[in-house]
PDB file of N, CA and C in Angstrom:
ATOM      1  N   UNK A   1     -43.211 -43.511  -2.914  1.00  0.00           N
ATOM      2  CA  UNK A   1     -42.834 -42.225  -2.377  1.00  0.00           C
ATOM      3  C   UNK A   1     -42.709 -42.243  -0.890  1.00  0.00           C
ATOM      4  N   UNK A   2     -43.683 -42.855  -0.158  1.00  0.00           N
ATOM      5  CA  UNK A   2     -43.228 -42.955   1.379  1.00  0.00           C
ATOM      6  C   UNK A   2     -42.144 -43.684   1.660  1.00  0.00           C
ATOM      7  N   UNK A   3     -41.876 -44.707   1.018  1.00  0.00           N
ATOM      8  CA  UNK A   3     -40.572 -45.219   1.147  1.00  0.00           C
ATOM      9  C   UNK A   3     -39.278 -44.360   1.119  1.00  0.00           C
ATOM     10  N   UNK A   4     -39.305 -43.512   0.037  1.00  0.00           N
ATOM     11  CA  UNK A   4     -38.320 -42.683  -0.095  1.00  0.00           C
ATOM     12  C   UNK A   4     -38.181 -41.485   0.849  1.00  0.00           C
ATOM     13  N   UNK A   5     -39.322 -41.056   1.418  1.00  0.00           N
ATOM     14  CA  UNK A   5     -39.308 -40.071   2.523  1.00  0.00           C
ATOM     15  C   UNK A   5     -38.883 -40.820   3.825  1.00  0.00           C
ATOM     16  N   UNK A   6     -39.271 -42.089   4.136  1.00  0.00           N
ATOM     17  CA  UNK A   6     -38.841 -42.495   5.272  1.00  0.00           C
ATOM     18  C   UNK A   6     -37.229 -42.882   5.185  1.00  0.00           C
ATOM     19  N   UNK A   7     -36.844 -43.129   3.981  1.00  0.00           N
ATOM     20  CA  UNK A   7     -35.485 -43.465   3.968  1.00  0.00           C
ATOM     21  C   UNK A   7     -34.728 -42.166   4.287  1.00  0.00           C
ATOM     22  N   UNK A   8     -35.128 -41.064   3.665  1.00  0.00           N
ATOM     23  CA  UNK A   8     -34.305 -39.710   3.895  1.00  0.00           C
ATOM     24  C   UNK A   8     -34.496 -39.267   5.369  1.00  0.00           C
ATOM     25  N   UNK A   9     -35.602 -39.792   6.172  1.00  0.00           N
ATOM     26  CA  UNK A   9     -35.707 -39.283   7.390  1.00  0.00           C
ATOM     27  C   UNK A   9     -34.811 -40.104   8.322  1.00  0.00           C
ATOM     28  N   UNK A  10     -34.737 -41.352   7.830  1.00  0.00           N
ATOM     29  CA  UNK A  10     -33.728 -42.152   8.865  1.00  0.00           C
ATOM     30  C   UNK A  10     -32.424 -41.935   8.671  1.00  0.00           C
ATOM     31  N   UNK A  11     -32.040 -40.971   7.574  1.00  0.00           N
ATOM     32  CA  UNK A  11     -30.597 -40.735   7.253  1.00  0.00           C
ATOM     33  C   UNK A  11     -30.450 -39.464   7.250  1.00  0.00           C
ATOM     34  N   UNK A  12     -30.630 -38.597   8.155  1.00  0.00           N
ATOM     35  CA  UNK A  12     -30.578 -36.979   8.122  1.00  0.00           C
ATOM     36  C   UNK A  12     -29.146 -36.640   7.795  1.00  0.00           C
ATOM     37  N   UNK A  13     -28.986 -35.569   7.059  1.00  0.00           N
ATOM     38  CA  UNK A  13     -27.642 -34.977   6.991  1.00  0.00           C
ATOM     39  C   UNK A  13     -27.813 -33.332   7.330  1.00  0.00           C
ATOM     40  N   UNK A  14     -26.916 -32.904   8.105  1.00  0.00           N
ATOM     41  CA  UNK A  14     -26.793 -31.591   8.355  1.00  0.00           C
ATOM     42  C   UNK A  14     -26.483 -30.580   7.220  1.00  0.00           C
ATOM     43  N   UNK A  15     -26.722 -29.460   7.238  1.00  0.00           N
ATOM     44  CA  UNK A  15     -26.565 -28.495   6.235  1.00  0.00           C
ATOM     45  C   UNK A  15     -25.148 -28.310   5.721  1.00  0.00           C
ATOM     46  N   UNK A  16     -25.241 -28.543   4.070  1.00  0.00           N
ATOM     47  CA  UNK A  16     -24.007 -28.588   3.255  1.00  0.00           C
ATOM     48  C   UNK A  16     -23.225 -30.027   3.486  1.00  0.00           C
ATOM     49  N   UNK A  17     -23.945 -30.918   4.234  1.00  0.00           N
ATOM     50  CA  UNK A  17     -23.226 -32.246   4.268  1.00  0.00           C
ATOM     51  C   UNK A  17     -24.187 -33.293   3.635  1.00  0.00           C
ATOM     52  N   UNK A  18     -25.231 -32.822   2.857  1.00  0.00           N
ATOM     53  CA  UNK A  18     -26.317 -33.727   2.305  1.00  0.00           C
ATOM     54  C   UNK A  18     -25.976 -34.422   1.201  1.00  0.00           C
ATOM     55  N   UNK A  19     -24.686 -35.023   1.252  1.00  0.00           N
ATOM     56  CA  UNK A  19     -24.272 -35.892  -0.144  1.00  0.00           C
ATOM     57  C   UNK A  19     -25.253 -37.135  -0.389  1.00  0.00           C
ATOM     58  N   UNK A  20     -25.515 -37.858   0.545  1.00  0.00           N
ATOM     59  CA  UNK A  20     -26.278 -39.137   0.373  1.00  0.00           C
ATOM     60  C   UNK A  20     -27.597 -38.663  -0.188  1.00  0.00           C
ATOM     61  N   UNK A  21     -28.081 -37.698   0.566  1.00  0.00           N
ATOM     62  CA  UNK A  21     -29.738 -37.217   0.288  1.00  0.00           C
ATOM     63  C   UNK A  21     -29.657 -36.762  -1.053  1.00  0.00           C
ATOM     64  N   UNK A  22     -28.629 -35.814  -1.321  1.00  0.00           N
ATOM     65  CA  UNK A  22     -28.643 -35.190  -2.696  1.00  0.00           C
ATOM     66  C   UNK A  22     -28.539 -36.111  -3.900  1.00  0.00           C
ATOM     67  N   UNK A  23     -27.649 -37.115  -3.651  1.00  0.00           N
ATOM     68  CA  UNK A  23     -27.784 -38.396  -4.570  1.00  0.00           C
ATOM     69  C   UNK A  23     -28.788 -39.051  -4.685  1.00  0.00           C
ATOM     70  N   UNK A  24     -29.490 -39.416  -3.614  1.00  0.00           N
ATOM     71  CA  UNK A  24     -30.767 -40.138  -3.735  1.00  0.00           C
ATOM     72  C   UNK A  24     -31.919 -39.384  -4.322  1.00  0.00           C
ATOM     73  N   UNK A  25     -31.956 -37.911  -3.959  1.00  0.00           N
ATOM     74  CA  UNK A  25     -32.949 -37.071  -4.826  1.00  0.00           C
ATOM     75  C   UNK A  25     -32.710 -37.161  -6.067  1.00  0.00           C
ATOM     76  N   UNK A  26     -31.381 -37.013  -6.627  1.00  0.00           N
ATOM     77  CA  UNK A  26     -30.975 -36.758  -8.098  1.00  0.00           C
ATOM     78  C   UNK A  26     -31.405 -38.072  -8.742  1.00  0.00           C
ATOM     79  N   UNK A  27     -31.001 -39.081  -8.165  1.00  0.00           N
ATOM     80  CA  UNK A  27     -31.146 -40.591  -8.773  1.00  0.00           C
ATOM     81  C   UNK A  27     -32.710 -40.841  -8.916  1.00  0.00           C
ATOM     82  N   UNK A  28     -33.660 -40.428  -8.086  1.00  0.00           N
ATOM     83  CA  UNK A  28     -34.897 -40.459  -8.056  1.00  0.00           C
ATOM     84  C   UNK A  28     -35.569 -39.805  -9.193  1.00  0.00           C
ATOM     85  N   UNK A  29     -35.395 -38.373  -9.144  1.00  0.00           N
ATOM     86  CA  UNK A  29     -35.681 -37.556 -10.284  1.00  0.00           C
ATOM     87  C   UNK A  29     -35.386 -38.225 -11.391  1.00  0.00           C
ATOM     88  N   UNK A  30     -34.076 -38.384 -11.862  1.00  0.00           N
ATOM     89  CA  UNK A  30     -33.690 -38.975 -13.064  1.00  0.00           C
ATOM     90  C   UNK A  30     -34.412 -40.387 -13.395  1.00  0.00           C
ATOM     91  N   UNK A  31     -34.749 -41.202 -12.456  1.00  0.00           N
ATOM     92  CA  UNK A  31     -35.457 -42.331 -12.727  1.00  0.00           C
ATOM     93  C   UNK A  31     -36.788 -41.909 -13.143  1.00  0.00           C
ATOM     94  N   UNK A  32     -37.335 -40.679 -12.654  1.00  0.00           N
ATOM     95  CA  UNK A  32     -38.684 -40.523 -13.027  1.00  0.00           C
ATOM     96  C   UNK A  32     -38.771 -39.648 -14.247  1.00  0.00           C
ATOM     97  N   UNK A  33     -37.649 -39.428 -15.043  1.00  0.00           N
ATOM     98  CA  UNK A  33     -37.638 -38.813 -16.415  1.00  0.00           C
ATOM     99  C   UNK A  33     -37.333 -37.294 -16.331  1.00  0.00           C
ATOM    100  N   UNK A  34     -36.859 -36.886 -15.132  1.00  0.00           N
ATOM    101  CA  UNK A  34     -36.507 -35.276 -15.007  1.00  0.00           C
ATOM    102  C   UNK A  34     -35.029 -35.142 -15.369  1.00  0.00           C
ATOM    103  N   UNK A  35     -34.824 -34.022 -15.864  1.00  0.00           N
ATOM    104  CA  UNK A  35     -33.391 -33.560 -16.472  1.00  0.00           C
ATOM    105  C   UNK A  35     -32.936 -33.271 -14.864  1.00  0.00           C
ATOM    106  N   UNK A  36     -31.614 -33.675 -14.597  1.00  0.00           N
ATOM    107  CA  UNK A  36     -31.225 -33.307 -13.160  1.00  0.00           C
ATOM    108  C   UNK A  36     -29.755 -32.570 -13.468  1.00  0.00           C
ATOM    109  N   UNK A  37     -29.561 -31.653 -12.495  1.00  0.00           N
ATOM    110  CA  UNK A  37     -28.304 -30.716 -12.314  1.00  0.00           C
ATOM    111  C   UNK A  37     -28.103 -30.915 -10.781  1.00  0.00           C
ATOM    112  N   UNK A  38     -26.777 -31.395 -10.686  1.00  0.00           N
ATOM    113  CA  UNK A  38     -26.106 -31.742  -9.125  1.00  0.00           C
ATOM    114  C   UNK A  38     -25.083 -30.705  -8.855  1.00  0.00           C
ATOM    115  N   UNK A  39     -24.895 -30.604  -7.638  1.00  0.00           N
ATOM    116  CA  UNK A  39     -23.725 -29.860  -7.212  1.00  0.00           C
ATOM    117  C   UNK A  39     -23.880 -28.313  -6.930  1.00  0.00           C
ATOM    118  N   UNK A  40     -24.992 -27.820  -7.038  1.00  0.00           N
ATOM    119  CA  UNK A  40     -25.377 -26.498  -6.937  1.00  0.00           C
ATOM    120  C   UNK A  40     -25.196 -26.047  -5.558  1.00  0.00           C
ATOM    121  N   UNK A  41     -24.277 -25.057  -5.256  1.00  0.00           N
ATOM    122  CA  UNK A  41     -24.138 -24.521  -3.851  1.00  0.00           C
ATOM    123  C   UNK A  41     -23.622 -25.696  -3.084  1.00  0.00           C
ATOM    124  N   UNK A  42     -22.889 -26.786  -3.888  1.00  0.00           N
ATOM    125  CA  UNK A  42     -22.418 -27.886  -3.046  1.00  0.00           C
ATOM    126  C   UNK A  42     -23.190 -29.096  -3.146  1.00  0.00           C
ATOM    127  N   UNK A  43     -24.354 -29.150  -2.339  1.00  0.00           N
ATOM    128  CA  UNK A  43     -25.199 -30.243  -2.357  1.00  0.00           C
ATOM    129  C   UNK A  43     -26.507 -30.203  -2.982  1.00  0.00           C
ATOM    130  N   UNK A  44     -26.660 -29.028  -3.564  1.00  0.00           N
ATOM    131  CA  UNK A  44     -28.057 -28.617  -4.245  1.00  0.00           C
ATOM    132  C   UNK A  44     -28.348 -29.380  -5.296  1.00  0.00           C
ATOM    133  N   UNK A  45     -29.663 -29.764  -5.635  1.00  0.00           N
ATOM    134  CA  UNK A  45     -30.189 -30.349  -6.915  1.00  0.00           C
ATOM    135  C   UNK A  45     -31.201 -29.718  -7.582  1.00  0.00           C
ATOM    136  N   UNK A  46     -31.160 -29.685  -8.819  1.00  0.00           N
ATOM    137  CA  UNK A  46     -32.263 -29.094  -9.457  1.00  0.00           C
ATOM    138  C   UNK A  46     -32.945 -30.166 -10.495  1.00  0.00           C
ATOM    139  N   UNK A  47     -34.070 -30.300 -10.404  1.00  0.00           N
ATOM    140  CA  UNK A  47     -34.651 -31.147 -11.419  1.00  0.00           C
ATOM    141  C   UNK A  47     -35.718 -30.311 -12.407  1.00  0.00           C
ATOM    142  N   UNK A  48     -35.728 -30.571 -13.611  1.00  0.00           N
ATOM    143  CA  UNK A  48     -36.433 -29.909 -14.549  1.00  0.00           C
ATOM    144  C   UNK A  48     -37.365 -31.114 -15.427  1.00  0.00           C
ATOM    145  N   UNK A  49     -38.679 -30.838 -15.296  1.00  0.00           N
ATOM    146  CA  UNK A  49     -39.343 -31.656 -15.952  1.00  0.00           C
ATOM    147  C   UNK A  49     -40.107 -30.796 -17.173  1.00  0.00           C
ATOM    148  N   UNK A  50     -39.960 -31.204 -18.446  1.00  0.00           N
ATOM    149  CA  UNK A  50     -40.471 -30.459 -19.448  1.00  0.00           C
ATOM    150  C   UNK A  50     -41.413 -31.213 -20.098  1.00  0.00           C
ATOM    151  N   UNK A  51     -42.660 -30.636 -20.300  1.00  0.00           N
ATOM    152  CA  UNK A  51     -43.859 -31.490 -20.760  1.00  0.00           C
ATOM    153  C   UNK A  51     -44.372 -30.717 -21.964  1.00  0.00           C
ATOM    154  N   UNK A  52     -43.870 -29.450 -22.294  1.00  0.00           N
ATOM    155  CA  UNK A  52     -44.196 -28.887 -23.584  1.00  0.00           C
ATOM    156  C   UNK A  52     -44.598 -27.312 -23.194  1.00  0.00           C
ATOM    157  N   UNK A  53     -45.181 -26.591 -24.238  1.00  0.00           N
ATOM    158  CA  UNK A  53     -45.672 -25.337 -23.999  1.00  0.00           C
ATOM    159  C   UNK A  53     -46.594 -25.224 -22.986  1.00  0.00           C
ATOM    160  N   UNK A  54     -46.639 -24.134 -22.185  1.00  0.00           N
ATOM    161  CA  UNK A  54     -47.739 -23.978 -21.236  1.00  0.00           C
ATOM    162  C   UNK A  54     -47.248 -23.259 -19.865  1.00  0.00           C
ATOM    163  N   UNK A  55     -48.087 -23.217 -18.944  1.00  0.00           N
ATOM    164  CA  UNK A  55     -47.426 -22.488 -17.702  1.00  0.00           C
ATOM    165  C   UNK A  55     -46.404 -23.495 -17.074  1.00  0.00           C
ATOM    166  N   UNK A  56     -45.711 -22.627 -16.347  1.00  0.00           N
ATOM    167  CA  UNK A  56     -44.499 -23.115 -15.580  1.00  0.00           C
ATOM    168  C   UNK A  56     -44.555 -22.952 -13.962  1.00  0.00           C
ATOM    169  N   UNK A  57     -44.295 -23.856 -13.447  1.00  0.00           N
ATOM    170  CA  UNK A  57     -44.102 -23.672 -11.953  1.00  0.00           C
ATOM    171  C   UNK A  57     -42.881 -24.049 -11.447  1.00  0.00           C
ATOM    172  N   UNK A  58     -42.487 -23.634 -10.042  1.00  0.00           N
ATOM    173  CA  UNK A  58     -41.263 -23.850  -9.515  1.00  0.00           C
ATOM    174  C   UNK A  58     -41.646 -24.430  -8.094  1.00  0.00           C
ATOM    175  N   UNK A  59     -40.894 -25.464  -7.774  1.00  0.00           N
ATOM    176  CA  UNK A  59     -41.018 -26.106  -6.390  1.00  0.00           C
ATOM    177  C   UNK A  59     -39.623 -26.040  -5.579  1.00  0.00           C
ATOM    178  N   UNK A  60     -39.435 -25.628  -4.468  1.00  0.00           N
ATOM    179  CA  UNK A  60     -38.329 -25.730  -3.888  1.00  0.00           C
ATOM    180  C   UNK A  60     -38.491 -26.259  -2.442  1.00  0.00           C
ATOM    181  N   UNK A  61     -37.523 -27.182  -2.107  1.00  0.00           N
ATOM    182  CA  UNK A  61     -37.494 -27.814  -0.864  1.00  0.00           C
ATOM    183  C   UNK A  61     -36.150 -27.835  -0.226  1.00  0.00           C
ATOM    184  N   UNK A  62     -36.186 -27.897   1.120  1.00  0.00           N
ATOM    185  CA  UNK A  62     -34.752 -28.121   1.732  1.00  0.00           C
ATOM    186  C   UNK A  62     -34.497 -29.238   2.163  1.00  0.00           C
ATOM    187  N   UNK A  63     -33.269 -29.737   2.240  1.00  0.00           N
ATOM    188  CA  UNK A  63     -32.997 -31.173   2.412  1.00  0.00           C
ATOM    189  C   UNK A  63     -32.102 -31.427   3.801  1.00  0.00           C
ATOM    190  N   UNK A  64     -31.840 -30.385   4.460  1.00  0.00           N
ATOM    191  CA  UNK A  64     -30.953 -30.528   5.750  1.00  0.00           C
ATOM    192  C   UNK A  64     -31.693 -30.945   7.063  1.00  0.00           C
ATOM    193  N   UNK A  65     -30.940 -31.700   7.835  1.00  0.00           N
ATOM    194  CA  UNK A  65     -31.659 -31.898   9.146  1.00  0.00           C
ATOM    195  C   UNK A  65     -31.244 -30.972  10.085  1.00  0.00           C
ATOM    196  N   UNK A  66     -31.528 -31.147  11.354  1.00  0.00           N
ATOM    197  CA  UNK A  66     -31.271 -30.242  12.442  1.00  0.00           C
ATOM    198  C   UNK A  66     -30.397 -30.965  13.433  1.00  0.00           C
ATOM    199  N   UNK A  67     -29.413 -30.315  13.997  1.00  0.00           N
ATOM    200  CA  UNK A  67     -28.701 -31.152  15.095  1.00  0.00           C
ATOM    201  C   UNK A  67     -29.521 -31.346  16.458  1.00  0.00           C
ATOM    202  N   UNK A  68     -30.453 -32.132  16.313  1.00  0.00           N
ATOM    203  CA  UNK A  68     -31.182 -32.557  17.345  1.00  0.00           C
ATOM    204  C   UNK A  68     -31.315 -34.210  17.432  1.00  0.00           C
ATOM    205  N   UNK A  69     -31.247 -34.621  18.609  1.00  0.00           N
ATOM    206  CA  UNK A  69     -31.711 -36.247  18.863  1.00  0.00           C
ATOM    207  C   UNK A  69     -33.028 -36.365  18.854  1.00  0.00           C
ATOM    208  N   UNK A  70     -33.403 -37.281  17.716  1.00  0.00           N
ATOM    209  CA  UNK A  70     -34.795 -37.844  17.741  1.00  0.00           C
ATOM    210  C   UNK A  70     -35.296 -38.894  18.802  1.00  0.00           C
ATOM    211  N   UNK A  71     -36.357 -38.445  19.250  1.00  0.00           N
ATOM    212  CA  UNK A  71     -36.832 -39.242  20.515  1.00  0.00           C
ATOM    213  C   UNK A  71     -38.252 -39.585  20.154  1.00  0.00           C
ATOM    214  N   UNK A  72     -38.883 -39.599  19.044  1.00  0.00           N
ATOM    215  CA  UNK A  72     -40.239 -39.790  18.540  1.00  0.00           C
ATOM    216  C   UNK A  72     -40.778 -41.273  18.677  1.00  0.00           C
ATOM    217  N   UNK A  73     -39.695 -42.375  18.531  1.00  0.00           N
ATOM    218  CA  UNK A  73     -39.913 -43.677  18.503  1.00  0.00           C
ATOM    219  C   UNK A  73     -40.591 -44.120  17.368  1.00  0.00           C
ATOM    220  N   UNK A  74     -40.562 -43.222  16.254  1.00  0.00           N
ATOM    221  CA  UNK A  74     -41.301 -43.653  14.918  1.00  0.00           C
ATOM    222  C   UNK A  74     -40.494 -44.857  14.160  1.00  0.00           C
ATOM    223  N   UNK A  75     -41.216 -45.572  13.418  1.00  0.00           N
ATOM    224  CA  UNK A  75     -40.388 -46.719  12.714  1.00  0.00           C
ATOM    225  C   UNK A  75     -39.502 -46.088  12.001  1.00  0.00           C
ATOM    226  N   UNK A  76     -39.576 -44.918  11.319  1.00  0.00           N
ATOM    227  CA  UNK A  76     -38.675 -44.270  10.356  1.00  0.00           C
ATOM    228  C   UNK A  76     -37.877 -43.028  11.116  1.00  0.00           C
ATOM    229  N   UNK A  77     -37.738 -43.400  12.303  1.00  0.00           N
ATOM    230  CA  UNK A  77     -36.836 -42.372  13.192  1.00  0.00           C
ATOM    231  C   UNK A  77     -35.438 -42.447  12.600  1.00  0.00           C
ATOM    232  N   UNK A  78     -34.685 -41.275  13.061  1.00  0.00           N
ATOM    233  CA  UNK A  78     -33.320 -41.131  12.626  1.00  0.00           C
ATOM    234  C   UNK A  78     -32.507 -42.279  13.279  1.00  0.00           C
ATOM    235  N   UNK A  79     -31.635 -42.767  12.306  1.00  0.00           N
ATOM    236  CA  UNK A  79     -30.726 -43.918  12.999  1.00  0.00           C
ATOM    237  C   UNK A  79     -29.178 -43.133  13.366  1.00  0.00           C
ATOM    238  N   UNK A  80     -29.279 -41.918  13.417  1.00  0.00           N
ATOM    239  CA  UNK A  80     -28.051 -40.943  13.664  1.00  0.00           C
ATOM    240  C   UNK A  80     -28.299 -39.996  14.754  1.00  0.00           C
ATOM    241  N   UNK A  81     -27.671 -40.521  15.865  1.00  0.00           N
ATOM    242  CA  UNK A  81     -27.876 -39.563  17.181  1.00  0.00           C
ATOM    243  C   UNK A  81     -27.326 -38.139  16.864  1.00  0.00           C
ATOM    244  N   UNK A  82     -27.942 -37.324  17.257  1.00  0.00           N
ATOM    245  CA  UNK A  82     -27.764 -35.979  17.134  1.00  0.00           C
ATOM    246  C   UNK A  82     -28.348 -35.335  15.808  1.00  0.00           C
ATOM    247  N   UNK A  83     -28.865 -36.119  15.044  1.00  0.00           N
ATOM    248  CA  UNK A  83     -29.398 -35.454  13.802  1.00  0.00           C
ATOM    249  C   UNK A  83     -30.904 -35.805  13.479  1.00  0.00           C
ATOM    250  N   UNK A  84     -31.710 -35.091  13.195  1.00  0.00           N
ATOM    251  CA  UNK A  84     -33.211 -35.386  12.755  1.00  0.00           C
ATOM    252  C   UNK A  84     -33.735 -34.221  11.927  1.00  0.00           C
ATOM    253  N   UNK A  85     -34.777 -34.710  11.284  1.00  0.00           N
ATOM    254  CA  UNK A  85     -35.444 -33.926  10.441  1.00  0.00           C
ATOM    255  C   UNK A  85     -36.642 -33.553  11.339  1.00  0.00           C
ATOM    256  N   UNK A  86     -36.587 -32.261  11.901  1.00  0.00           N
ATOM    257  CA  UNK A  86     -37.418 -31.731  12.928  1.00  0.00           C
ATOM    258  C   UNK A  86     -38.374 -30.382  12.539  1.00  0.00           C
ATOM    259  N   UNK A  87     -38.132 -30.111  11.267  1.00  0.00           N
ATOM    260  CA  UNK A  87     -39.038 -28.916  11.084  1.00  0.00           C
ATOM    261  C   UNK A  87     -40.234 -29.136  10.838  1.00  0.00           C
ATOM    262  N   UNK A  88     -40.881 -30.452  10.639  1.00  0.00           N
ATOM    263  CA  UNK A  88     -42.183 -30.668  10.132  1.00  0.00           C
ATOM    264  C   UNK A  88     -42.583 -30.526   8.757  1.00  0.00           C
ATOM    265  N   UNK A  89     -41.382 -30.463   7.995  1.00  0.00           N
ATOM    266  CA  UNK A  89     -41.732 -30.453   6.483  1.00  0.00           C
ATOM    267  C   UNK A  89     -42.463 -31.774   5.743  1.00  0.00           C
ATOM    268  N   UNK A  90     -42.029 -32.886   6.581  1.00  0.00           N
ATOM    269  CA  UNK A  90     -42.472 -34.082   5.968  1.00  0.00           C
ATOM    270  C   UNK A  90     -43.248 -34.667   6.897  1.00  0.00           C
TER     271      UNK A  90
END
């Protein structure tokens, strides 16, 4: 999971351009046994995990980066000038 997060952080994509990110998220969810719906709103991904009757929860996350150059020096820093995940969500 940490490797996935670091990969996403290294390859930030701006709003409505998250094609690589969406594909990686969709593939990961499918690999983990989730039902996946892609292309919602363009680059949106919905994953549904059905485990039987009982309580239901929803989790929402954004995937877009900001147009900011990363200067953190982290090992998983953005590889793309002028784009980074800077909101602190990860």
